[in-house]
PDB file of N, CA and C in Angstrom:
ATOM      1  N   UNK A   1     110.848  64.950  31.531  1.00  0.00           N
ATOM      2  CA  UNK A   1     110.211  63.775  32.065  1.00  0.00           C
ATOM      3  C   UNK A   1     110.732  63.458  33.461  1.00  0.00           C
ATOM      4  N   UNK A   2     112.023  63.713  33.686  1.00  0.00           N
ATOM      5  CA  UNK A   2     112.572  63.460  35.020  1.00  0.00           C
ATOM      6  C   UNK A   2     111.913  64.349  36.053  1.00  0.00           C
ATOM      7  N   UNK A   3     111.729  65.624  35.701  1.00  0.00           N
ATOM      8  CA  UNK A   3     111.094  66.556  36.618  1.00  0.00           C
ATOM      9  C   UNK A   3     109.671  66.154  36.942  1.00  0.00           C
ATOM     10  N   UNK A   4     108.924  65.736  35.927  1.00  0.00           N
ATOM     11  CA  UNK A   4     107.553  65.271  36.159  1.00  0.00           C
ATOM     12  C   UNK A   4     107.528  64.037  37.040  1.00  0.00           C
ATOM     13  N   UNK A   5     108.438  63.105  36.759  1.00  0.00           N
ATOM     14  CA  UNK A   5     108.499  61.877  37.548  1.00  0.00           C
ATOM     15  C   UNK A   5     108.787  62.199  39.013  1.00  0.00           C
ATOM     16  N   UNK A   6     109.718  63.110  39.259  1.00  0.00           N
ATOM     17  CA  UNK A   6     110.047  63.479  40.634  1.00  0.00           C
ATOM     18  C   UNK A   6     108.870  64.175  41.304  1.00  0.00           C
ATOM     19  N   UNK A   7     108.226  65.066  40.583  1.00  0.00           N
ATOM     20  CA  UNK A   7     107.102  65.808  41.150  1.00  0.00           C
ATOM     21  C   UNK A   7     105.926  64.899  41.482  1.00  0.00           C
ATOM     22  N   UNK A   8     105.576  64.028  40.568  1.00  0.00           N
ATOM     23  CA  UNK A   8     104.428  63.147  40.769  1.00  0.00           C
ATOM     24  C   UNK A   8     104.694  62.144  41.888  1.00  0.00           C
ATOM     25  N   UNK A   9     105.912  61.582  41.907  1.00  0.00           N
ATOM     26  CA  UNK A   9     106.219  60.559  42.908  1.00  0.00           C
ATOM     27  C   UNK A   9     106.600  61.150  44.262  1.00  0.00           C
ATOM     28  N   UNK A  10     107.042  62.398  44.274  1.00  0.00           N
ATOM     29  CA  UNK A  10     107.537  63.003  45.512  1.00  0.00           C
ATOM     30  C   UNK A  10     108.923  62.509  45.886  1.00  0.00           C
ATOM     31  N   UNK A  11     109.531  61.713  45.017  1.00  0.00           N
ATOM     32  CA  UNK A  11     110.866  61.168  45.247  1.00  0.00           C
ATOM     33  C   UNK A  11     111.852  61.954  44.379  1.00  0.00           C
ATOM     34  N   UNK A  12     112.746  62.669  45.020  1.00  0.00           N
ATOM     35  CA  UNK A  12     113.673  63.550  44.303  1.00  0.00           C
ATOM     36  C   UNK A  12     115.092  62.998  44.287  1.00  0.00           C
ATOM     37  N   UNK A  13     115.239  61.682  44.314  1.00  0.00           N
ATOM     38  CA  UNK A  13     116.577  61.094  44.377  1.00  0.00           C
ATOM     39  C   UNK A  13     117.372  61.244  43.074  1.00  0.00           C
ATOM     40  N   UNK A  14     116.740  61.609  41.988  1.00  0.00           N
ATOM     41  CA  UNK A  14     117.456  61.761  40.713  1.00  0.00           C
ATOM     42  C   UNK A  14     117.648  63.233  40.339  1.00  0.00           C
ATOM     43  N   UNK A  15     117.593  64.102  41.331  1.00  0.00           N
ATOM     44  CA  UNK A  15     117.714  65.538  41.046  1.00  0.00           C
ATOM     45  C   UNK A  15     119.059  65.879  40.395  1.00  0.00           C
ATOM     46  N   UNK A  16     120.106  65.112  40.716  1.00  0.00           N
ATOM     47  CA  UNK A  16     121.410  65.349  40.085  1.00  0.00           C
ATOM     48  C   UNK A  16     121.371  65.112  38.584  1.00  0.00           C
ATOM     49  N   UNK A  17     120.693  64.072  38.158  1.00  0.00           N
ATOM     50  CA  UNK A  17     120.567  63.793  36.722  1.00  0.00           C
ATOM     51  C   UNK A  17     119.723  64.868  36.047  1.00  0.00           C
ATOM     52  N   UNK A  18     118.687  65.306  36.729  1.00  0.00           N
ATOM     53  CA  UNK A  18     117.819  66.361  36.199  1.00  0.00           C
ATOM     54  C   UNK A  18     118.615  67.651  36.006  1.00  0.00           C
ATOM     55  N   UNK A  19     119.416  68.004  36.998  1.00  0.00           N
ATOM     56  CA  UNK A  19     120.233  69.220  36.904  1.00  0.00           C
ATOM     57  C   UNK A  19     121.259  69.102  35.780  1.00  0.00           C
ATOM     58  N   UNK A  20     121.894  67.935  35.655  1.00  0.00           N
ATOM     59  CA  UNK A  20     122.874  67.758  34.583  1.00  0.00           C
ATOM     60  C   UNK A  20     122.212  67.825  33.209  1.00  0.00           C
ATOM     61  N   UNK A  21     121.035  67.244  33.075  1.00  0.00           N
ATOM     62  CA  UNK A  21     120.331  67.303  31.792  1.00  0.00           C
ATOM     63  C   UNK A  21     120.015  68.745  31.425  1.00  0.00           C
ATOM     64  N   UNK A  22     119.590  69.533  32.402  1.00  0.00           N
ATOM     65  CA  UNK A  22     119.282  70.940  32.134  1.00  0.00           C
ATOM     66  C   UNK A  22     120.526  71.744  31.800  1.00  0.00           C
ATOM     67  N   UNK A  23     121.565  71.613  32.605  1.00  0.00           N
ATOM     68  CA  UNK A  23     122.758  72.437  32.408  1.00  0.00           C
ATOM     69  C   UNK A  23     123.569  72.011  31.185  1.00  0.00           C
ATOM     70  N   UNK A  24     123.736  70.709  31.005  1.00  0.00           N
ATOM     71  CA  UNK A  24     124.538  70.247  29.870  1.00  0.00           C
ATOM     72  C   UNK A  24     123.730  70.178  28.585  1.00  0.00           C
ATOM     73  N   UNK A  25     122.503  69.707  28.685  1.00  0.00           N
ATOM     74  CA  UNK A  25     121.696  69.507  27.496  1.00  0.00           C
ATOM     75  C   UNK A  25     121.040  70.765  26.968  1.00  0.00           C
ATOM     76  N   UNK A  26     120.774  71.723  27.829  1.00  0.00           N
ATOM     77  CA  UNK A  26     120.077  72.942  27.388  1.00  0.00           C
ATOM     78  C   UNK A  26     120.963  74.174  27.492  1.00  0.00           C
ATOM     79  N   UNK A  27     121.433  74.490  28.661  1.00  0.00           N
ATOM     80  CA  UNK A  27     122.154  75.753  28.871  1.00  0.00           C
ATOM     81  C   UNK A  27     123.469  75.780  28.091  1.00  0.00           C
ATOM     82  N   UNK A  28     124.289  74.755  28.265  1.00  0.00           N
ATOM     83  CA  UNK A  28     125.588  74.753  27.589  1.00  0.00           C
ATOM     84  C   UNK A  28     125.425  74.700  26.076  1.00  0.00           C
ATOM     85  N   UNK A  29     124.488  73.889  25.600  1.00  0.00           N
ATOM     86  CA  UNK A  29     124.265  73.828  24.157  1.00  0.00           C
ATOM     87  C   UNK A  29     123.740  75.164  23.625  1.00  0.00           C
ATOM     88  N   UNK A  30     122.946  75.873  24.416  1.00  0.00           N
ATOM     89  CA  UNK A  30     122.473  77.197  23.998  1.00  0.00           C
ATOM     90  C   UNK A  30     123.644  78.174  23.902  1.00  0.00           C
ATOM     91  N   UNK A  31     124.589  78.080  24.828  1.00  0.00           N
ATOM     92  CA  UNK A  31     125.772  78.937  24.755  1.00  0.00           C
ATOM     93  C   UNK A  31     126.609  78.606  23.523  1.00  0.00           C
ATOM     94  N   UNK A  32     126.796  77.313  23.261  1.00  0.00           N
ATOM     95  CA  UNK A  32     127.517  76.917  22.045  1.00  0.00           C
ATOM     96  C   UNK A  32     126.815  77.491  20.813  1.00  0.00           C
ATOM     97  N   UNK A  33     125.512  77.296  20.739  1.00  0.00           N
ATOM     98  CA  UNK A  33     124.744  77.743  19.577  1.00  0.00           C
ATOM     99  C   UNK A  33     124.791  79.244  19.382  1.00  0.00           C
ATOM    100  N   UNK A  34     124.733  79.987  20.479  1.00  0.00           N
ATOM    101  CA  UNK A  34     124.809  81.450  20.389  1.00  0.00           C
ATOM    102  C   UNK A  34     126.151  81.886  19.826  1.00  0.00           C
ATOM    103  N   UNK A  35     127.227  81.284  20.331  1.00  0.00           N
ATOM    104  CA  UNK A  35     128.555  81.648  19.842  1.00  0.00           C
ATOM    105  C   UNK A  35     128.687  81.300  18.365  1.00  0.00           C
ATOM    106  N   UNK A  36     128.229  80.098  17.995  1.00  0.00           N
ATOM    107  CA  UNK A  36     128.316  79.690  16.594  1.00  0.00           C
ATOM    108  C   UNK A  36     127.443  80.569  15.693  1.00  0.00           C
ATOM    109  N   UNK A  37     126.347  81.100  16.210  1.00  0.00           N
ATOM    110  CA  UNK A  37     125.497  81.986  15.409  1.00  0.00           C
ATOM    111  C   UNK A  37     126.253  83.261  15.026  1.00  0.00           C
ATOM    112  N   UNK A  38     127.145  83.704  15.897  1.00  0.00           N
ATOM    113  CA  UNK A  38     127.938  84.896  15.602  1.00  0.00           C
ATOM    114  C   UNK A  38     129.209  84.568  14.818  1.00  0.00           C
ATOM    115  N   UNK A  39     129.701  83.368  14.955  1.00  0.00           N
ATOM    116  CA  UNK A  39     130.929  82.943  14.275  1.00  0.00           C
ATOM    117  C   UNK A  39     130.576  81.910  13.208  1.00  0.00           C
ATOM    118  N   UNK A  40     129.869  82.369  12.192  1.00  0.00           N
ATOM    119  CA  UNK A  40     129.318  81.445  11.195  1.00  0.00           C
ATOM    120  C   UNK A  40     130.392  80.672  10.432  1.00  0.00           C
ATOM    121  N   UNK A  41     131.541  81.283  10.179  1.00  0.00           N
ATOM    122  CA  UNK A  41     132.598  80.563   9.462  1.00  0.00           C
ATOM    123  C   UNK A  41     133.100  79.387  10.289  1.00  0.00           C
ATOM    124  N   UNK A  42     133.290  79.606  11.571  1.00  0.00           N
ATOM    125  CA  UNK A  42     133.733  78.506  12.430  1.00  0.00           C
ATOM    126  C   UNK A  42     132.623  77.483  12.609  1.00  0.00           C
ATOM    127  N   UNK A  43     131.386  77.927  12.618  1.00  0.00           N
ATOM    128  CA  UNK A  43     130.260  77.003  12.764  1.00  0.00           C
ATOM    129  C   UNK A  43     130.157  76.051  11.590  1.00  0.00           C
ATOM    130  N   UNK A  44     130.627  76.465  10.425  1.00  0.00           N
ATOM    131  CA  UNK A  44     130.541  75.635   9.227  1.00  0.00           C
ATOM    132  C   UNK A  44     131.755  74.729   9.055  1.00  0.00           C
ATOM    133  N   UNK A  45     132.678  74.792   9.988  1.00  0.00           N
ATOM    134  CA  UNK A  45     133.894  73.995   9.868  1.00  0.00           C
ATOM    135  C   UNK A  45     133.651  72.539  10.270  1.00  0.00           C
ATOM    136  N   UNK A  46     134.540  71.709   9.827  1.00  0.00           N
ATOM    137  CA  UNK A  46     134.477  70.286  10.188  1.00  0.00           C
ATOM    138  C   UNK A  46     134.683  70.108  11.692  1.00  0.00           C
ATOM    139  N   UNK A  47     135.566  70.913  12.282  1.00  0.00           N
ATOM    140  CA  UNK A  47     135.817  70.814  13.721  1.00  0.00           C
ATOM    141  C   UNK A  47     134.557  71.120  14.524  1.00  0.00           C
ATOM    142  N   UNK A  48     133.739  72.053  14.055  1.00  0.00           N
ATOM    143  CA  UNK A  48     132.489  72.375  14.757  1.00  0.00           C
ATOM    144  C   UNK A  48     131.553  71.174  14.759  1.00  0.00           C
ATOM    145  N   UNK A  49     131.480  70.464  13.659  1.00  0.00           N
ATOM    146  CA  UNK A  49     130.627  69.271  13.605  1.00  0.00           C
ATOM    147  C   UNK A  49     131.172  68.162  14.501  1.00  0.00           C
ATOM    148  N   UNK A  50     132.482  68.030  14.541  1.00  0.00           N
ATOM    149  CA  UNK A  50     133.094  67.032  15.428  1.00  0.00           C
ATOM    150  C   UNK A  50     132.824  67.397  16.877  1.00  0.00           C
ATOM    151  N   UNK A  51     132.984  68.681  17.207  1.00  0.00           N
ATOM    152  CA  UNK A  51     132.737  69.141  18.576  1.00  0.00           C
ATOM    153  C   UNK A  51     131.301  68.857  18.988  1.00  0.00           C
ATOM    154  N   UNK A  52     130.362  69.158  18.108  1.00  0.00           N
ATOM    155  CA  UNK A  52     128.950  68.894  18.395  1.00  0.00           C
ATOM    156  C   UNK A  52     128.711  67.399  18.636  1.00  0.00           C
ATOM    157  N   UNK A  53     129.272  66.573  17.782  1.00  0.00           N
ATOM    158  CA  UNK A  53     129.093  65.131  17.918  1.00  0.00           C
ATOM    159  C   UNK A  53     129.700  64.580  19.198  1.00  0.00           C
ATOM    160  N   UNK A  54     130.905  65.022  19.516  1.00  0.00           N
ATOM    161  CA  UNK A  54     131.577  64.551  20.727  1.00  0.00           C
ATOM    162  C   UNK A  54     130.796  64.975  21.961  1.00  0.00           C
ATOM    163  N   UNK A  55     130.452  66.254  22.047  1.00  0.00           N
ATOM    164  CA  UNK A  55     129.743  66.756  23.227  1.00  0.00           C
ATOM    165  C   UNK A  55     128.383  66.076  23.379  1.00  0.00           C
ATOM    166  N   UNK A  56     127.635  65.987  22.303  1.00  0.00           N
ATOM    167  CA  UNK A  56     126.303  65.387  22.356  1.00  0.00           C
ATOM    168  C   UNK A  56     126.384  63.915  22.751  1.00  0.00           C
ATOM    169  N   UNK A  57     127.359  63.201  22.222  1.00  0.00           N
ATOM    170  CA  UNK A  57     127.542  61.797  22.597  1.00  0.00           C
ATOM    171  C   UNK A  57     127.795  61.672  24.094  1.00  0.00           C
ATOM    172  N   UNK A  58     128.650  62.529  24.623  1.00  0.00           N
ATOM    173  CA  UNK A  58     128.938  62.496  26.060  1.00  0.00           C
ATOM    174  C   UNK A  58     127.702  62.739  26.904  1.00  0.00           C
ATOM    175  N   UNK A  59     126.911  63.723  26.531  1.00  0.00           N
ATOM    176  CA  UNK A  59     125.695  64.043  27.291  1.00  0.00           C
ATOM    177  C   UNK A  59     124.677  62.907  27.184  1.00  0.00           C
ATOM    178  N   UNK A  60     124.545  62.336  26.001  1.00  0.00           N
ATOM    179  CA  UNK A  60     123.585  61.243  25.794  1.00  0.00           C
ATOM    180  C   UNK A  60     123.994  59.993  26.580  1.00  0.00           C
ATOM    181  N   UNK A  61     125.276  59.760  26.739  1.00  0.00           N
ATOM    182  CA  UNK A  61     125.737  58.628  27.550  1.00  0.00           C
ATOM    183  C   UNK A  61     125.598  58.938  29.038  1.00  0.00           C
ATOM    184  N   UNK A  62     126.043  60.129  29.433  1.00  0.00           N
ATOM    185  CA  UNK A  62     126.105  60.452  30.852  1.00  0.00           C
ATOM    186  C   UNK A  62     124.744  60.618  31.513  1.00  0.00           C
ATOM    187  N   UNK A  63     123.832  61.344  30.901  1.00  0.00           N
ATOM    188  CA  UNK A  63     122.576  61.691  31.569  1.00  0.00           C
ATOM    189  C   UNK A  63     121.722  60.476  31.926  1.00  0.00           C
ATOM    190  N   UNK A  64     121.405  59.583  30.993  1.00  0.00           N
ATOM    191  CA  UNK A  64     120.611  58.416  31.407  1.00  0.00           C
ATOM    192  C   UNK A  64     121.373  57.489  32.355  1.00  0.00           C
ATOM    193  N   UNK A  65     122.694  57.387  32.166  1.00  0.00           N
ATOM    194  CA  UNK A  65     123.487  56.553  33.074  1.00  0.00           C
ATOM    195  C   UNK A  65     123.433  57.102  34.488  1.00  0.00           C
ATOM    196  N   UNK A  66     123.546  58.414  34.622  1.00  0.00           N
ATOM    197  CA  UNK A  66     123.465  59.046  35.931  1.00  0.00           C
ATOM    198  C   UNK A  66     122.082  58.852  36.541  1.00  0.00           C
ATOM    199  N   UNK A  67     121.056  58.978  35.720  1.00  0.00           N
ATOM    200  CA  UNK A  67     119.684  58.775  36.191  1.00  0.00           C
ATOM    201  C   UNK A  67     119.522  57.380  36.797  1.00  0.00           C
ATOM    202  N   UNK A  68     119.931  56.369  36.045  1.00  0.00           N
ATOM    203  CA  UNK A  68     119.765  55.001  36.534  1.00  0.00           C
ATOM    204  C   UNK A  68     120.721  54.671  37.677  1.00  0.00           C
ATOM    205  N   UNK A  69     121.891  55.292  37.704  1.00  0.00           N
ATOM    206  CA  UNK A  69     122.794  55.100  38.828  1.00  0.00           C
ATOM    207  C   UNK A  69     122.167  55.657  40.106  1.00  0.00           C
ATOM    208  N   UNK A  70     121.562  56.837  39.996  1.00  0.00           N
ATOM    209  CA  UNK A  70     120.921  57.443  41.165  1.00  0.00           C
ATOM    210  C   UNK A  70     119.655  56.695  41.575  1.00  0.00           C
ATOM    211  N   UNK A  71     119.098  55.924  40.662  1.00  0.00           N
ATOM    212  CA  UNK A  71     117.940  55.093  40.982  1.00  0.00           C
ATOM    213  C   UNK A  71     118.359  53.828  41.737  1.00  0.00           C
ATOM    214  N   UNK A  72     119.658  53.627  41.921  1.00  0.00           N
ATOM    215  CA  UNK A  72     120.113  52.491  42.708  1.00  0.00           C
ATOM    216  C   UNK A  72     120.931  51.467  41.962  1.00  0.00           C
ATOM    217  N   UNK A  73     121.508  51.831  40.831  1.00  0.00           N
ATOM    218  CA  UNK A  73     122.338  50.898  40.077  1.00  0.00           C
ATOM    219  C   UNK A  73     123.774  51.424  40.031  1.00  0.00           C
ATOM    220  N   UNK A  74     124.571  51.173  41.091  1.00  0.00           N
ATOM    221  CA  UNK A  74     125.933  51.722  41.147  1.00  0.00           C
ATOM    222  C   UNK A  74     126.877  51.162  40.083  1.00  0.00           C
ATOM    223  N   UNK A  75     126.502  50.075  39.431  1.00  0.00           N
ATOM    224  CA  UNK A  75     127.356  49.499  38.385  1.00  0.00           C
ATOM    225  C   UNK A  75     127.501  50.433  37.189  1.00  0.00           C
ATOM    226  N   UNK A  76     126.628  51.440  37.076  1.00  0.00           N
ATOM    227  CA  UNK A  76     126.687  52.363  35.948  1.00  0.00           C
ATOM    228  C   UNK A  76     127.669  53.514  36.154  1.00  0.00           C
ATOM    229  N   UNK A  77     128.312  53.571  37.313  1.00  0.00           N
ATOM    230  CA  UNK A  77     129.231  54.674  37.578  1.00  0.00           C
ATOM    231  C   UNK A  77     130.341  54.801  36.539  1.00  0.00           C
ATOM    232  N   UNK A  78     130.943  53.706  36.062  1.00  0.00           N
ATOM    233  CA  UNK A  78     131.960  53.869  35.012  1.00  0.00           C
ATOM    234  C   UNK A  78     131.398  54.474  33.719  1.00  0.00           C
ATOM    235  N   UNK A  79     130.156  54.160  33.410  1.00  0.00           N
ATOM    236  CA  UNK A  79     129.531  54.739  32.223  1.00  0.00           C
ATOM    237  C   UNK A  79     129.274  56.233  32.416  1.00  0.00           C
ATOM    238  N   UNK A  80     128.887  56.613  33.625  1.00  0.00           N
ATOM    239  CA  UNK A  80     128.714  58.038  33.945  1.00  0.00           C
ATOM    240  C   UNK A  80     130.049  58.761  33.782  1.00  0.00           C
ATOM    241  N   UNK A  81     131.103  58.156  34.298  1.00  0.00           N
ATOM    242  CA  UNK A  81     132.433  58.768  34.191  1.00  0.00           C
ATOM    243  C   UNK A  81     132.863  58.887  32.737  1.00  0.00           C
ATOM    244  N   UNK A  82     132.641  57.841  31.959  1.00  0.00           N
ATOM    245  CA  UNK A  82     133.022  57.885  30.538  1.00  0.00           C
ATOM    246  C   UNK A  82     132.248  58.976  29.805  1.00  0.00           C
ATOM    247  N   UNK A  83     130.939  59.061  30.050  1.00  0.00           N
ATOM    248  CA  UNK A  83     130.134  60.106  29.419  1.00  0.00           C
ATOM    249  C   UNK A  83     130.591  61.494  29.815  1.00  0.00           C
ATOM    250  N   UNK A  84     130.953  61.643  31.086  1.00  0.00           N
ATOM    251  CA  UNK A  84     131.442  62.937  31.570  1.00  0.00           C
ATOM    252  C   UNK A  84     132.733  63.337  30.867  1.00  0.00           C
ATOM    253  N   UNK A  85     133.642  62.381  30.728  1.00  0.00           N
ATOM    254  CA  UNK A  85     134.920  62.673  30.063  1.00  0.00           C
ATOM    255  C   UNK A  85     134.727  62.993  28.580  1.00  0.00           C
ATOM    256  N   UNK A  86     133.808  62.303  27.939  1.00  0.00           N
ATOM    257  CA  UNK A  86     133.527  62.583  26.523  1.00  0.00           C
ATOM    258  C   UNK A  86     132.923  63.981  26.375  1.00  0.00           C
ATOM    259  N   UNK A  87     131.967  64.330  27.252  1.00  0.00           N
ATOM    260  CA  UNK A  87     131.374  65.671  27.208  1.00  0.00           C
ATOM    261  C   UNK A  87     132.437  66.737  27.469  1.00  0.00           C
ATOM    262  N   UNK A  88     133.334  66.460  28.416  1.00  0.00           N
ATOM    263  CA  UNK A  88     134.402  67.413  28.722  1.00  0.00           C
ATOM    264  C   UNK A  88     135.328  67.590  27.519  1.00  0.00           C
ATOM    265  N   UNK A  89     135.585  66.508  26.782  1.00  0.00           N
ATOM    266  CA  UNK A  89     136.386  66.621  25.558  1.00  0.00           C
ATOM    267  C   UNK A  89     135.696  67.545  24.564  1.00  0.00           C
ATOM    268  N   UNK A  90     134.357  67.477  24.495  1.00  0.00           N
ATOM    269  CA  UNK A  90     133.609  68.386  23.635  1.00  0.00           C
ATOM    270  C   UNK A  90     133.754  69.836  24.066  1.00  0.00           C
ATOM    271  N   UNK A  91     133.774  70.054  25.373  1.00  0.00           N
ATOM    272  CA  UNK A  91     133.970  71.418  25.900  1.00  0.00           C
ATOM    273  C   UNK A  91     135.375  71.913  25.553  1.00  0.00           C
ATOM    274  N   UNK A  92     136.367  71.042  25.677  1.00  0.00           N
ATOM    275  CA  UNK A  92     137.735  71.440  25.325  1.00  0.00           C
ATOM    276  C   UNK A  92     137.853  71.770  23.839  1.00  0.00           C
ATOM    277  N   UNK A  93     137.182  71.006  22.986  1.00  0.00           N
ATOM    278  CA  UNK A  93     137.180  71.322  21.554  1.00  0.00           C
ATOM    279  C   UNK A  93     136.547  72.681  21.298  1.00  0.00           C
ATOM    280  N   UNK A  94     135.458  72.961  22.004  1.00  0.00           N
ATOM    281  CA  UNK A  94     134.809  74.262  21.851  1.00  0.00           C
ATOM    282  C   UNK A  94     135.752  75.383  22.298  1.00  0.00           C
ATOM    283  N   UNK A  95     136.403  75.200  23.440  1.00  0.00           N
ATOM    284  CA  UNK A  95     137.349  76.211  23.938  1.00  0.00           C
ATOM    285  C   UNK A  95     138.476  76.426  22.932  1.00  0.00           C
ATOM    286  N   UNK A  96     138.938  75.351  22.317  1.00  0.00           N
ATOM    287  CA  UNK A  96     139.979  75.481  21.300  1.00  0.00           C
ATOM    288  C   UNK A  96     139.500  76.360  20.151  1.00  0.00           C
ATOM    289  N   UNK A  97     138.257  76.141  19.713  1.00  0.00           N
ATOM    290  CA  UNK A  97     137.728  76.955  18.607  1.00  0.00           C
ATOM    291  C   UNK A  97     137.580  78.413  19.016  1.00  0.00           C
ATOM    292  N   UNK A  98     137.139  78.648  20.246  1.00  0.00           N
ATOM    293  CA  UNK A  98     136.957  80.028  20.710  1.00  0.00           C
ATOM    294  C   UNK A  98     138.290  80.753  20.787  1.00  0.00           C
ATOM    295  N   UNK A  99     139.294  80.079  21.324  1.00  0.00           N
ATOM    296  CA  UNK A  99     140.561  80.753  21.581  1.00  0.00           C
ATOM    297  C   UNK A  99     141.620  80.524  20.513  1.00  0.00           C
ATOM    298  N   UNK A 100     141.265  79.831  19.434  1.00  0.00           N
ATOM    299  CA  UNK A 100     142.246  79.622  18.367  1.00  0.00           C
ATOM    300  C   UNK A 100     142.531  80.951  17.694  1.00  0.00           C
ATOM    301  N   UNK A 101     143.723  81.073  17.158  1.00  0.00           N
ATOM    302  CA  UNK A 101     144.149  82.324  16.558  1.00  0.00           C
ATOM    303  C   UNK A 101     143.494  82.630  15.228  1.00  0.00           C
ATOM    304  N   UNK A 102     142.798  81.668  14.665  1.00  0.00           N
ATOM    305  CA  UNK A 102     142.156  81.874  13.370  1.00  0.00           C
ATOM    306  C   UNK A 102     141.063  82.926  13.492  1.00  0.00           C
ATOM    307  N   UNK A 103     141.157  83.964  12.716  1.00  0.00           N
ATOM    308  CA  UNK A 103     140.154  85.026  12.749  1.00  0.00           C
ATOM    309  C   UNK A 103     139.137  84.801  11.653  1.00  0.00           C
ATOM    310  N   UNK A 104     137.902  85.054  11.973  1.00  0.00           N
ATOM    311  CA  UNK A 104     136.833  84.890  10.989  1.00  0.00           C
ATOM    312  C   UNK A 104     136.501  86.233  10.367  1.00  0.00           C
ATOM    313  N   UNK A 105     135.710  86.199   9.322  1.00  0.00           N
ATOM    314  CA  UNK A 105     135.264  87.435   8.685  1.00  0.00           C
ATOM    315  C   UNK A 105     134.526  88.311   9.686  1.00  0.00           C
ATOM    316  N   UNK A 106     133.699  87.709  10.544  1.00  0.00           N
ATOM    317  CA  UNK A 106     132.937  88.478  11.528  1.00  0.00           C
ATOM    318  C   UNK A 106     133.864  89.195  12.502  1.00  0.00           C
ATOM    319  N   UNK A 107     134.926  88.522  12.963  1.00  0.00           N
ATOM    320  CA  UNK A 107     135.832  89.178  13.898  1.00  0.00           C
ATOM    321  C   UNK A 107     136.665  90.253  13.209  1.00  0.00           C
ATOM    322  N   UNK A 108     137.020  90.035  11.926  1.00  0.00           N
ATOM    323  CA  UNK A 108     137.749  91.075  11.196  1.00  0.00           C
ATOM    324  C   UNK A 108     136.867  92.301  10.975  1.00  0.00           C
ATOM    325  N   UNK A 109     135.579  92.051  10.650  1.00  0.00           N
ATOM    326  CA  UNK A 109     134.652  93.170  10.451  1.00  0.00           C
ATOM    327  C   UNK A 109     134.454  93.948  11.748  1.00  0.00           C
ATOM    328  N   UNK A 110     134.359  93.256  12.858  1.00  0.00           N
ATOM    329  CA  UNK A 110     134.183  93.931  14.145  1.00  0.00           C
ATOM    330  C   UNK A 110     135.419  94.741  14.490  1.00  0.00           C
ATOM    331  N   UNK A 111     136.608  94.201  14.213  1.00  0.00           N
ATOM    332  CA  UNK A 111     137.836  94.936  14.480  1.00  0.00           C
ATOM    333  C   UNK A 111     137.936  96.171  13.595  1.00  0.00           C
ATOM    334  N   UNK A 112     137.480  96.080  12.382  1.00  0.00           N
ATOM    335  CA  UNK A 112     137.556  97.209  11.446  1.00  0.00           C
ATOM    336  C   UNK A 112     136.643  98.356  11.897  1.00  0.00           C
ATOM    337  N   UNK A 113     135.539  98.022  12.561  1.00  0.00           N
ATOM    338  CA  UNK A 113     134.601  99.063  13.014  1.00  0.00           C
ATOM    339  C   UNK A 113     135.108  99.805  14.231  1.00  0.00           C
ATOM    340  N   UNK A 114     136.041  99.219  14.955  1.00  0.00           N
ATOM    341  CA  UNK A 114     136.497  99.836  16.201  1.00  0.00           C
ATOM    342  C   UNK A 114     137.486 100.933  15.961  1.00  0.00           C
TER     343      UNK A 114
END
């Protein structure tokens, strides 16, 4: 909707919010989903659900706040910052799951084939 609004109006002042919505809401979540599709045991863990909730909450707070801030409401900057930090916490949780020493059945099977 942001892209359509910018295209129809010819006003591209919210392009930053549009880019963040695409990169955080689509690309990064697709990367998370792809990794979890291969690491099904970790995907079924409680930490995976917490990570999803934390990251999604951050994106849902940050993206509309950034949109309205770029529309001329600078009072929303603290909300943008809070959403960004929450989303970043979700990324850190994901990194922890990726790099944790816990091996899954899929990784053991892959190691056995090598």
